Every structure is written in C-alpha cells, then in structure tokens.
C-alpha cells in the first residue's frame, strides 16, 4: 500500500516556504535606505563594528558618533541608530552611516 500523505503535503510546504522566503527577502531589501537600530559588537581604534541584523556587520567611523572635538564614548552592547546605505560593500560589510541617520532624524 503506497503512502500518499507526503504527496498531498508537498505542494503546501513548497508554497509556505516560498511565502516565507519572499517575506524574509522583502524585509531585508526594505531596510536599505532607512534608519535602523543596531548593537555595537566591538570598538577598534577608529571604528565601531555594528550588527543591524543583516548577514554581515558594518563599520562606522567613531568620529561620526562624537561631538566635534570630543571622543565618542561607545562600548560593546550599546544600541545606536544608523542609516543603511547599502546591504554590502566590496569587502562584504554593510555600509552604515551615523551622520546620515542624524540627518534623517532632523
């Protein structure tokens, strides 16, 4: 006796997967060109590595976070708002900007 239950569920599973995949990619592409909250992963000498939920993190120059003449006070775990310029640059990192996020806020 053949089991036909698998054949009945297969098209439904494929449709559900396709819908989830479209939903997932739709969310990711809509993040480009917008201000999002990210978590500071690490702080180097001149840049902060920030995770905004994309497949890769992005680096933002520390000078973008401080006021003129003052050193930026960032530490891992801080939540910051950044502007997502592009999903990925030639180095595979997200292109993020704090300065553009500030302009969007104003």
PDB file of N, CA and C in Angstrom:
ATOM      1  N   UNK A   1       0.836  -1.178   0.000  1.00  0.00           N
ATOM      2  CA  UNK A   1       0.000   0.000   0.000  1.00  0.00           C
ATOM      3  C   UNK A   1       0.886   1.249   0.000  1.00  0.00           C
ATOM      4  N   UNK A   2       0.689   2.156  -0.909  1.00  0.00           N
ATOM      5  CA  UNK A   2       1.535   3.352  -1.036  1.00  0.00           C
ATOM      6  C   UNK A   2       1.031   4.447  -0.104  1.00  0.00           C
ATOM      7  N   UNK A   3       1.963   5.214   0.410  1.00  0.00           N
ATOM      8  CA  UNK A   3       1.623   6.333   1.294  1.00  0.00           C
ATOM      9  C   UNK A   3       1.495   7.597   0.444  1.00  0.00           C
ATOM     10  N   UNK A   4       0.300   8.140   0.344  1.00  0.00           N
ATOM     11  CA  UNK A   4       0.065   9.326  -0.476  1.00  0.00           C
ATOM     12  C   UNK A   4       0.013  10.600   0.345  1.00  0.00           C
ATOM     13  N   UNK A   5       0.132  10.477   1.652  1.00  0.00           N
ATOM     14  CA  UNK A   5       0.049  11.664   2.512  1.00  0.00           C
ATOM     15  C   UNK A   5       1.175  12.651   2.214  1.00  0.00           C
ATOM     16  N   UNK A   6       2.383  12.152   1.924  1.00  0.00           N
ATOM     17  CA  UNK A   6       3.524  13.030   1.620  1.00  0.00           C
ATOM     18  C   UNK A   6       3.301  13.828   0.355  1.00  0.00           C
ATOM     19  N   UNK A   7       2.681  13.217  -0.640  1.00  0.00           N
ATOM     20  CA  UNK A   7       2.443  13.895  -1.915  1.00  0.00           C
ATOM     21  C   UNK A   7       1.425  15.025  -1.758  1.00  0.00           C
ATOM     22  N   UNK A   8       0.490  14.871  -0.849  1.00  0.00           N
ATOM     23  CA  UNK A   8      -0.527  15.890  -0.641  1.00  0.00           C
ATOM     24  C   UNK A   8       0.068  17.103   0.066  1.00  0.00           C
ATOM     25  N   UNK A   9       0.970  16.882   1.005  1.00  0.00           N
ATOM     26  CA  UNK A   9       1.545  17.975   1.783  1.00  0.00           C
ATOM     27  C   UNK A   9       2.648  18.722   1.040  1.00  0.00           C
ATOM     28  N   UNK A  10       3.288  18.081   0.101  1.00  0.00           N
ATOM     29  CA  UNK A  10       4.428  18.688  -0.567  1.00  0.00           C
ATOM     30  C   UNK A  10       4.125  20.030  -1.229  1.00  0.00           C
ATOM     31  N   UNK A  11       3.077  20.172  -2.052  1.00  0.00           N
ATOM     32  CA  UNK A  11       2.797  21.494  -2.658  1.00  0.00           C
ATOM     33  C   UNK A  11       2.531  22.564  -1.607  1.00  0.00           C
ATOM     34  N   UNK A  12       1.819  22.197  -0.533  1.00  0.00           N
ATOM     35  CA  UNK A  12       1.528  23.165   0.521  1.00  0.00           C
ATOM     36  C   UNK A  12       2.822  23.622   1.198  1.00  0.00           C
ATOM     37  N   UNK A  13       3.727  22.687   1.457  1.00  0.00           N
ATOM     38  CA  UNK A  13       5.005  23.033   2.086  1.00  0.00           C
ATOM     39  C   UNK A  13       5.820  23.934   1.174  1.00  0.00           C
ATOM     40  N   UNK A  14       5.801  23.654  -0.124  1.00  0.00           N
ATOM     41  CA  UNK A  14       6.542  24.467  -1.084  1.00  0.00           C
ATOM     42  C   UNK A  14       5.985  25.885  -1.121  1.00  0.00           C
ATOM     43  N   UNK A  15       4.667  26.019  -1.103  1.00  0.00           N
ATOM     44  CA  UNK A  15       4.049  27.346  -1.106  1.00  0.00           C
ATOM     45  C   UNK A  15       4.384  28.110   0.168  1.00  0.00           C
ATOM     46  N   UNK A  16       4.330  27.425   1.311  1.00  0.00           N
ATOM     47  CA  UNK A  16       4.665  28.067   2.581  1.00  0.00           C
ATOM     48  C   UNK A  16       6.119  28.510   2.602  1.00  0.00           C
ATOM     49  N   UNK A  17       7.012  27.674   2.096  1.00  0.00           N
ATOM     50  CA  UNK A  17       8.423  28.025   2.061  1.00  0.00           C
ATOM     51  C   UNK A  17       8.647  29.232   1.157  1.00  0.00           C
ATOM     52  N   UNK A  18       7.991  29.230   0.008  1.00  0.00           N
ATOM     53  CA  UNK A  18       8.136  30.350  -0.926  1.00  0.00           C
ATOM     54  C   UNK A  18       7.633  31.642  -0.296  1.00  0.00           C
ATOM     55  N   UNK A  19       6.515  31.561   0.423  1.00  0.00           N
ATOM     56  CA  UNK A  19       5.966  32.753   1.075  1.00  0.00           C
ATOM     57  C   UNK A  19       6.919  33.263   2.150  1.00  0.00           C
ATOM     58  N   UNK A  20       7.471  32.346   2.937  1.00  0.00           N
ATOM     59  CA  UNK A  20       8.428  32.732   3.978  1.00  0.00           C
ATOM     60  C   UNK A  20       9.688  33.330   3.370  1.00  0.00           C
ATOM     61  N   UNK A  21      10.155  32.751   2.282  1.00  0.00           N
ATOM     62  CA  UNK A  21      11.353  33.260   1.610  1.00  0.00           C
ATOM     63  C   UNK A  21      11.111  34.666   1.066  1.00  0.00           C
ATOM     64  N   UNK A  22       9.964  34.873   0.426  1.00  0.00           N
ATOM     65  CA  UNK A  22       9.619  36.206  -0.084  1.00  0.00           C
ATOM     66  C   UNK A  22       9.510  37.216   1.055  1.00  0.00           C
ATOM     67  N   UNK A  23       8.897  36.799   2.142  1.00  0.00           N
ATOM     68  CA  UNK A  23       8.745  37.681   3.304  1.00  0.00           C
ATOM     69  C   UNK A  23      10.111  38.049   3.878  1.00  0.00           C
ATOM     70  N   UNK A  24      10.986  37.064   3.950  1.00  0.00           N
ATOM     71  CA  UNK A  24      12.325  37.300   4.502  1.00  0.00           C
ATOM     72  C   UNK A  24      13.110  38.272   3.635  1.00  0.00           C
ATOM     73  N   UNK A  25      13.147  38.029   2.330  1.00  0.00           N
ATOM     74  CA  UNK A  25      13.898  38.915   1.450  1.00  0.00           C
ATOM     75  C   UNK A  25      13.236  40.274   1.335  1.00  0.00           C
ATOM     76  N   UNK A  26      11.930  40.344   1.424  1.00  0.00           N
ATOM     77  CA  UNK A  26      11.224  41.617   1.378  1.00  0.00           C
ATOM     78  C   UNK A  26      11.631  42.505   2.541  1.00  0.00           C
ATOM     79  N   UNK A  27      11.770  41.934   3.732  1.00  0.00           N
ATOM     80  CA  UNK A  27      12.179  42.697   4.900  1.00  0.00           C
ATOM     81  C   UNK A  27      13.600  43.201   4.763  1.00  0.00           C
ATOM     82  N   UNK A  28      14.486  42.369   4.231  1.00  0.00           N
ATOM     83  CA  UNK A  28      15.895  42.744   4.124  1.00  0.00           C
ATOM     84  C   UNK A  28      16.087  43.864   3.107  1.00  0.00           C
ATOM     85  N   UNK A  29      15.426  43.775   1.962  1.00  0.00           N
ATOM     86  CA  UNK A  29      15.633  44.806   0.949  1.00  0.00           C
ATOM     87  C   UNK A  29      15.005  46.127   1.367  1.00  0.00           C
ATOM     88  N   UNK A  30      13.982  46.080   2.210  1.00  0.00           N
ATOM     89  CA  UNK A  30      13.345  47.325   2.622  1.00  0.00           C
ATOM     90  C   UNK A  30      14.176  48.066   3.664  1.00  0.00           C
ATOM     91  N   UNK A  31      15.159  47.422   4.258  1.00  0.00           N
ATOM     92  CA  UNK A  31      15.991  48.052   5.281  1.00  0.00           C
ATOM     93  C   UNK A  31      16.987  49.025   4.634  1.00  0.00           C
ATOM     94  N   UNK A  32      17.345  48.775   3.378  1.00  0.00           N
ATOM     95  CA  UNK A  32      18.304  49.637   2.679  1.00  0.00           C
ATOM     96  C   UNK A  32      17.691  51.021   2.485  1.00  0.00           C
ATOM     97  N   UNK A  33      18.449  52.055   2.853  1.00  0.00           N
ATOM     98  CA  UNK A  33      17.963  53.418   2.716  1.00  0.00           C
ATOM     99  C   UNK A  33      17.128  53.883   3.888  1.00  0.00           C
ATOM    100  N   UNK A  34      17.236  53.193   5.020  1.00  0.00           N
ATOM    101  CA  UNK A  34      16.458  53.592   6.190  1.00  0.00           C
ATOM    102  C   UNK A  34      17.335  53.607   7.446  1.00  0.00           C
ATOM    103  N   UNK A  35      16.804  54.221   8.493  1.00  0.00           N
ATOM    104  CA  UNK A  35      17.498  54.294   9.772  1.00  0.00           C
ATOM    105  C   UNK A  35      17.032  53.119  10.619  1.00  0.00           C
ATOM    106  N   UNK A  36      17.995  52.377  11.162  1.00  0.00           N
ATOM    107  CA  UNK A  36      17.688  51.207  11.986  1.00  0.00           C
ATOM    108  C   UNK A  36      18.516  51.239  13.261  1.00  0.00           C
ATOM    109  N   UNK A  37      18.081  50.478  14.245  1.00  0.00           N
ATOM    110  CA  UNK A  37      18.849  50.339  15.476  1.00  0.00           C
ATOM    111  C   UNK A  37      19.782  49.155  15.329  1.00  0.00           C
ATOM    112  N   UNK A  38      21.006  49.336  15.816  1.00  0.00           N
ATOM    113  CA  UNK A  38      21.995  48.269  15.772  1.00  0.00           C
ATOM    114  C   UNK A  38      22.713  48.169  17.093  1.00  0.00           C
ATOM    115  N   UNK A  39      23.397  47.053  17.289  1.00  0.00           N
ATOM    116  CA  UNK A  39      24.145  46.800  18.509  1.00  0.00           C
ATOM    117  C   UNK A  39      25.634  46.878  18.219  1.00  0.00           C
ATOM    118  N   UNK A  40      26.351  47.635  19.040  1.00  0.00           N
ATOM    119  CA  UNK A  40      27.801  47.736  18.891  1.00  0.00           C
ATOM    120  C   UNK A  40      28.410  46.399  19.310  1.00  0.00           C
ATOM    121  N   UNK A  41      29.139  45.775  18.398  1.00  0.00           N
ATOM    122  CA  UNK A  41      29.788  44.493  18.660  1.00  0.00           C
ATOM    123  C   UNK A  41      31.166  44.713  19.260  1.00  0.00           C
ATOM    124  N   UNK A  42      31.921  45.620  18.656  1.00  0.00           N
ATOM    125  CA  UNK A  42      33.261  45.925  19.155  1.00  0.00           C
ATOM    126  C   UNK A  42      33.646  47.338  18.748  1.00  0.00           C
ATOM    127  N   UNK A  43      34.637  47.885  19.456  1.00  0.00           N
ATOM    128  CA  UNK A  43      35.138  49.223  19.161  1.00  0.00           C
ATOM    129  C   UNK A  43      36.640  49.115  18.968  1.00  0.00           C
ATOM    130  N   UNK A  44      37.098  49.493  17.774  1.00  0.00           N
ATOM    131  CA  UNK A  44      38.523  49.492  17.466  1.00  0.00           C
ATOM    132  C   UNK A  44      39.077  50.894  17.673  1.00  0.00           C
ATOM    133  N   UNK A  45      40.273  51.148  17.183  1.00  0.00           N
ATOM    134  CA  UNK A  45      40.901  52.457  17.332  1.00  0.00           C
ATOM    135  C   UNK A  45      40.088  53.579  16.710  1.00  0.00           C
ATOM    136  N   UNK A  46      39.558  53.341  15.507  1.00  0.00           N
ATOM    137  CA  UNK A  46      38.864  54.425  14.802  1.00  0.00           C
ATOM    138  C   UNK A  46      37.485  54.061  14.272  1.00  0.00           C
ATOM    139  N   UNK A  47      36.992  52.848  14.580  1.00  0.00           N
ATOM    140  CA  UNK A  47      35.685  52.436  14.054  1.00  0.00           C
ATOM    141  C   UNK A  47      34.961  51.506  15.024  1.00  0.00           C
ATOM    142  N   UNK A  48      33.644  51.499  14.893  1.00  0.00           N
ATOM    143  CA  UNK A  48      32.800  50.590  15.672  1.00  0.00           C
ATOM    144  C   UNK A  48      32.189  49.575  14.713  1.00  0.00           C
ATOM    145  N   UNK A  49      32.204  48.311  15.117  1.00  0.00           N
ATOM    146  CA  UNK A  49      31.570  47.246  14.350  1.00  0.00           C
ATOM    147  C   UNK A  49      30.150  47.104  14.881  1.00  0.00           C
ATOM    148  N   UNK A  50      29.153  47.240  13.986  1.00  0.00           N
ATOM    149  CA  UNK A  50      27.756  47.297  14.400  1.00  0.00           C
ATOM    150  C   UNK A  50      26.935  46.223  13.688  1.00  0.00           C
ATOM    151  N   UNK A  51      26.131  45.506  14.466  1.00  0.00           N
ATOM    152  CA  UNK A  51      25.234  44.480  13.938  1.00  0.00           C
ATOM    153  C   UNK A  51      23.835  45.073  13.834  1.00  0.00           C
ATOM    154  N   UNK A  52      23.288  45.103  12.613  1.00  0.00           N
ATOM    155  CA  UNK A  52      21.939  45.621  12.401  1.00  0.00           C
ATOM    156  C   UNK A  52      20.993  44.521  11.918  1.00  0.00           C
ATOM    157  N   UNK A  53      21.389  43.280  12.091  1.00  0.00           N
ATOM    158  CA  UNK A  53      20.535  42.159  11.723  1.00  0.00           C
ATOM    159  C   UNK A  53      20.664  41.697  10.291  1.00  0.00           C
ATOM    160  N   UNK A  54      21.672  42.134   9.587  1.00  0.00           N
ATOM    161  CA  UNK A  54      21.913  41.682   8.224  1.00  0.00           C
ATOM    162  C   UNK A  54      22.857  40.487   8.253  1.00  0.00           C
ATOM    163  N   UNK A  55      23.194  39.938   7.084  1.00  0.00           N
ATOM    164  CA  UNK A  55      24.073  38.773   7.077  1.00  0.00           C
ATOM    165  C   UNK A  55      25.505  39.138   7.476  1.00  0.00           C
ATOM    166  N   UNK A  56      25.844  40.404   7.418  1.00  0.00           N
ATOM    167  CA  UNK A  56      27.161  40.844   7.868  1.00  0.00           C
ATOM    168  C   UNK A  56      27.023  42.158   8.634  1.00  0.00           C
ATOM    169  N   UNK A  57      28.016  42.432   9.454  1.00  0.00           N
ATOM    170  CA  UNK A  57      28.013  43.669  10.226  1.00  0.00           C
ATOM    171  C   UNK A  57      28.563  44.800   9.371  1.00  0.00           C
ATOM    172  N   UNK A  58      28.526  46.009   9.919  1.00  0.00           N
ATOM    173  CA  UNK A  58      29.083  47.163   9.231  1.00  0.00           C
ATOM    174  C   UNK A  58      29.965  47.963  10.168  1.00  0.00           C
ATOM    175  N   UNK A  59      30.903  48.691   9.607  1.00  0.00           N
ATOM    176  CA  UNK A  59      31.796  49.546  10.390  1.00  0.00           C
ATOM    177  C   UNK A  59      31.395  51.001  10.200  1.00  0.00           C
ATOM    178  N   UNK A  60      31.446  51.747  11.309  1.00  0.00           N
ATOM    179  CA  UNK A  60      31.169  53.181  11.259  1.00  0.00           C
ATOM    180  C   UNK A  60      32.308  53.874  11.992  1.00  0.00           C
ATOM    181  N   UNK A  61      32.844  54.921  11.374  1.00  0.00           N
ATOM    182  CA  UNK A  61      33.933  55.675  11.988  1.00  0.00           C
ATOM    183  C   UNK A  61      33.483  56.253  13.322  1.00  0.00           C
ATOM    184  N   UNK A  62      34.329  56.162  14.333  1.00  0.00           N
ATOM    185  CA  UNK A  62      33.993  56.683  15.659  1.00  0.00           C
ATOM    186  C   UNK A  62      33.717  58.180  15.640  1.00  0.00           C
ATOM    187  N   UNK A  63      34.372  58.899  14.719  1.00  0.00           N
ATOM    188  CA  UNK A  63      34.169  60.349  14.646  1.00  0.00           C
ATOM    189  C   UNK A  63      32.718  60.696  14.330  1.00  0.00           C
ATOM    190  N   UNK A  64      31.952  59.765  13.725  1.00  0.00           N
ATOM    191  CA  UNK A  64      30.547  60.026  13.415  1.00  0.00           C
ATOM    192  C   UNK A  64      29.674  59.994  14.670  1.00  0.00           C
ATOM    193  N   UNK A  65      30.170  59.418  15.746  1.00  0.00           N
ATOM    194  CA  UNK A  65      29.382  59.292  16.972  1.00  0.00           C
ATOM    195  C   UNK A  65      29.659  60.391  17.994  1.00  0.00           C
ATOM    196  N   UNK A  66      30.821  61.010  17.909  1.00  0.00           N
ATOM    197  CA  UNK A  66      31.168  62.036  18.889  1.00  0.00           C
ATOM    198  C   UNK A  66      30.793  63.427  18.423  1.00  0.00           C
ATOM    199  N   UNK A  67      30.705  64.330  19.360  1.00  0.00           N
ATOM    200  CA  UNK A  67      30.511  65.729  19.018  1.00  0.00           C
ATOM    201  C   UNK A  67      31.851  66.293  18.583  1.00  0.00           C
ATOM    202  N   UNK A  68      31.865  67.345  17.773  1.00  0.00           N
ATOM    203  CA  UNK A  68      33.142  67.909  17.330  1.00  0.00           C
ATOM    204  C   UNK A  68      34.058  68.224  18.516  1.00  0.00           C
ATOM    205  N   UNK A  69      35.281  67.728  18.421  1.00  0.00           N
ATOM    206  CA  UNK A  69      36.264  67.971  19.474  1.00  0.00           C
ATOM    207  C   UNK A  69      36.174  67.023  20.652  1.00  0.00           C
ATOM    208  N   UNK A  70      35.198  66.120  20.640  1.00  0.00           N
ATOM    209  CA  UNK A  70      35.058  65.158  21.724  1.00  0.00           C
ATOM    210  C   UNK A  70      35.189  63.744  21.196  1.00  0.00           C
ATOM    211  N   UNK A  71      35.721  62.880  22.036  1.00  0.00           N
ATOM    212  CA  UNK A  71      35.869  61.475  21.677  1.00  0.00           C
ATOM    213  C   UNK A  71      34.532  60.761  21.889  1.00  0.00           C
ATOM    214  N   UNK A  72      34.183  59.883  20.957  1.00  0.00           N
ATOM    215  CA  UNK A  72      32.943  59.115  21.074  1.00  0.00           C
ATOM    216  C   UNK A  72      33.062  58.123  22.223  1.00  0.00           C
ATOM    217  N   UNK A  73      32.007  58.019  23.003  1.00  0.00           N
ATOM    218  CA  UNK A  73      32.002  57.092  24.129  1.00  0.00           C
ATOM    219  C   UNK A  73      31.076  55.925  23.807  1.00  0.00           C
ATOM    220  N   UNK A  74      31.601  54.970  23.056  1.00  0.00           N
ATOM    221  CA  UNK A  74      30.855  53.776  22.686  1.00  0.00           C
ATOM    222  C   UNK A  74      31.501  52.565  23.326  1.00  0.00           C
ATOM    223  N   UNK A  75      30.671  51.579  23.657  1.00  0.00           N
ATOM    224  CA  UNK A  75      31.209  50.319  24.176  1.00  0.00           C
ATOM    225  C   UNK A  75      30.360  49.175  23.625  1.00  0.00           C
ATOM    226  N   UNK A  76      30.905  47.974  23.556  1.00  0.00           N
ATOM    227  CA  UNK A  76      30.127  46.834  23.072  1.00  0.00           C
ATOM    228  C   UNK A  76      28.832  46.683  23.868  1.00  0.00           C
ATOM    229  N   UNK A  77      27.748  46.416  23.139  1.00  0.00           N
ATOM    230  CA  UNK A  77      26.443  46.268  23.755  1.00  0.00           C
ATOM    231  C   UNK A  77      25.567  47.507  23.631  1.00  0.00           C
ATOM    232  N   UNK A  78      26.177  48.665  23.335  1.00  0.00           N
ATOM    233  CA  UNK A  78      25.394  49.895  23.157  1.00  0.00           C
ATOM    234  C   UNK A  78      24.466  49.747  21.950  1.00  0.00           C
ATOM    235  N   UNK A  79      23.281  50.321  22.052  1.00  0.00           N
ATOM    236  CA  UNK A  79      22.326  50.343  20.940  1.00  0.00           C
ATOM    237  C   UNK A  79      22.411  51.726  20.297  1.00  0.00           C
ATOM    238  N   UNK A  80      22.634  51.746  18.981  1.00  0.00           N
ATOM    239  CA  UNK A  80      22.776  53.005  18.252  1.00  0.00           C
ATOM    240  C   UNK A  80      21.892  52.983  17.012  1.00  0.00           C
ATOM    241  N   UNK A  81      21.535  54.164  16.528  1.00  0.00           N
ATOM    242  CA  UNK A  81      20.782  54.276  15.283  1.00  0.00           C
ATOM    243  C   UNK A  81      21.737  54.632  14.156  1.00  0.00           C
ATOM    244  N   UNK A  82      21.648  53.876  13.061  1.00  0.00           N
ATOM    245  CA  UNK A  82      22.492  54.116  11.898  1.00  0.00           C
ATOM    246  C   UNK A  82      21.642  54.038  10.638  1.00  0.00           C
ATOM    247  N   UNK A  83      22.141  54.659   9.591  1.00  0.00           N
ATOM    248  CA  UNK A  83      21.491  54.664   8.287  1.00  0.00           C
ATOM    249  C   UNK A  83      22.129  53.553   7.450  1.00  0.00           C
ATOM    250  N   UNK A  84      21.312  52.691   6.837  1.00  0.00           N
ATOM    251  CA  UNK A  84      21.820  51.609   6.000  1.00  0.00           C
ATOM    252  C   UNK A  84      21.910  52.126   4.566  1.00  0.00           C
ATOM    253  N   UNK A  85      23.143  52.402   4.124  1.00  0.00           N
ATOM    254  CA  UNK A  85      23.338  52.902   2.758  1.00  0.00           C
ATOM    255  C   UNK A  85      23.199  51.772   1.740  1.00  0.00           C
ATOM    256  N   UNK A  86      23.912  50.676   1.988  1.00  0.00           N
ATOM    257  CA  UNK A  86      23.869  49.507   1.106  1.00  0.00           C
ATOM    258  C   UNK A  86      23.986  48.257   1.949  1.00  0.00           C
ATOM    259  N   UNK A  87      23.431  47.168   1.442  1.00  0.00           N
ATOM    260  CA  UNK A  87      23.462  45.897   2.155  1.00  0.00           C
ATOM    261  C   UNK A  87      24.888  45.374   2.291  1.00  0.00           C
ATOM    262  N   UNK A  88      25.719  45.614   1.265  1.00  0.00           N
ATOM    263  CA  UNK A  88      27.055  45.028   1.273  1.00  0.00           C
ATOM    264  C   UNK A  88      27.977  45.844   0.376  1.00  0.00           C
ATOM    265  N   UNK A  89      29.196  46.082   0.862  1.00  0.00           N
ATOM    266  CA  UNK A  89      30.191  46.758   0.035  1.00  0.00           C
ATOM    267  C   UNK A  89      31.141  45.721  -0.549  1.00  0.00           C
ATOM    268  N   UNK A  90      32.215  46.149  -1.165  1.00  0.00           N
ATOM    269  CA  UNK A  90      33.138  45.207  -1.817  1.00  0.00           C
ATOM    270  C   UNK A  90      33.853  44.310  -0.814  1.00  0.00           C
ATOM    271  N   UNK A  91      33.888  44.701   0.453  1.00  0.00           N
ATOM    272  CA  UNK A  91      34.510  43.872   1.491  1.00  0.00           C
ATOM    273  C   UNK A  91      33.501  42.942   2.157  1.00  0.00           C
ATOM    274  N   UNK A  92      32.252  42.976   1.715  1.00  0.00           N
ATOM    275  CA  UNK A  92      31.232  42.112   2.273  1.00  0.00           C
ATOM    276  C   UNK A  92      30.582  42.655   3.533  1.00  0.00           C
ATOM    277  N   UNK A  93      30.858  43.908   3.870  1.00  0.00           N
ATOM    278  CA  UNK A  93      30.261  44.513   5.062  1.00  0.00           C
ATOM    279  C   UNK A  93      29.099  45.416   4.656  1.00  0.00           C
ATOM    280  N   UNK A  94      28.153  45.587   5.565  1.00  0.00           N
ATOM    281  CA  UNK A  94      27.057  46.524   5.341  1.00  0.00           C
ATOM    282  C   UNK A  94      27.633  47.937   5.394  1.00  0.00           C
ATOM    283  N   UNK A  95      27.140  48.810   4.535  1.00  0.00           N
ATOM    284  CA  UNK A  95      27.587  50.209   4.550  1.00  0.00           C
ATOM    285  C   UNK A  95      26.633  51.001   5.418  1.00  0.00           C
ATOM    286  N   UNK A  96      27.125  51.463   6.583  1.00  0.00           N
ATOM    287  CA  UNK A  96      26.311  52.167   7.563  1.00  0.00           C
ATOM    288  C   UNK A  96      26.840  53.570   7.796  1.00  0.00           C
ATOM    289  N   UNK A  97      25.967  54.480   8.206  1.00  0.00           N
ATOM    290  CA  UNK A  97      26.375  55.850   8.491  1.00  0.00           C
ATOM    291  C   UNK A  97      25.579  56.401   9.667  1.00  0.00           C
ATOM    292  N   UNK A  98      26.276  56.900  10.671  1.00  0.00           N
ATOM    293  CA  UNK A  98      25.616  57.565  11.794  1.00  0.00           C
ATOM    294  C   UNK A  98      25.223  58.988  11.401  1.00  0.00           C
ATOM    295  N   UNK A  99      26.084  59.659  10.630  1.00  0.00           N
ATOM    296  CA  UNK A  99      25.800  61.040  10.216  1.00  0.00           C
ATOM    297  C   UNK A  99      24.515  61.116   9.391  1.00  0.00           C
ATOM    298  N   UNK A 100      24.310  60.179   8.475  1.00  0.00           N
ATOM    299  CA  UNK A 100      23.092  60.190   7.658  1.00  0.00           C
ATOM    300  C   UNK A 100      21.882  59.871   8.518  1.00  0.00           C
ATOM    301  N   UNK A 101      22.052  59.047   9.536  1.00  0.00           N
ATOM    302  CA  UNK A 101      20.945  58.759  10.462  1.00  0.00           C
ATOM    303  C   UNK A 101      20.536  60.027  11.204  1.00  0.00           C
ATOM    304  N   UNK A 102      21.518  60.817  11.616  1.00  0.00           N
ATOM    305  CA  UNK A 102      21.212  62.084  12.295  1.00  0.00           C
ATOM    306  C   UNK A 102      20.454  63.034  11.377  1.00  0.00           C
ATOM    307  N   UNK A 103      20.867  63.095  10.109  1.00  0.00           N
ATOM    308  CA  UNK A 103      20.179  63.967   9.151  1.00  0.00           C
ATOM    309  C   UNK A 103      18.743  63.525   8.936  1.00  0.00           C
ATOM    310  N   UNK A 104      18.521  62.205   8.895  1.00  0.00           N
ATOM    311  CA  UNK A 104      17.170  61.675   8.721  1.00  0.00           C
ATOM    312  C   UNK A 104      16.293  62.017   9.919  1.00  0.00           C
ATOM    313  N   UNK A 105      16.882  62.018  11.125  1.00  0.00           N
ATOM    314  CA  UNK A 105      16.142  62.332  12.334  1.00  0.00           C
ATOM    315  C   UNK A 105      15.688  63.797  12.342  1.00  0.00           C
ATOM    316  N   UNK A 106      16.529  64.665  11.783  1.00  0.00           N
ATOM    317  CA  UNK A 106      16.243  66.111  11.780  1.00  0.00           C
ATOM    318  C   UNK A 106      15.266  66.459  10.738  1.00  0.00           C
TER     319      UNK A 106
END
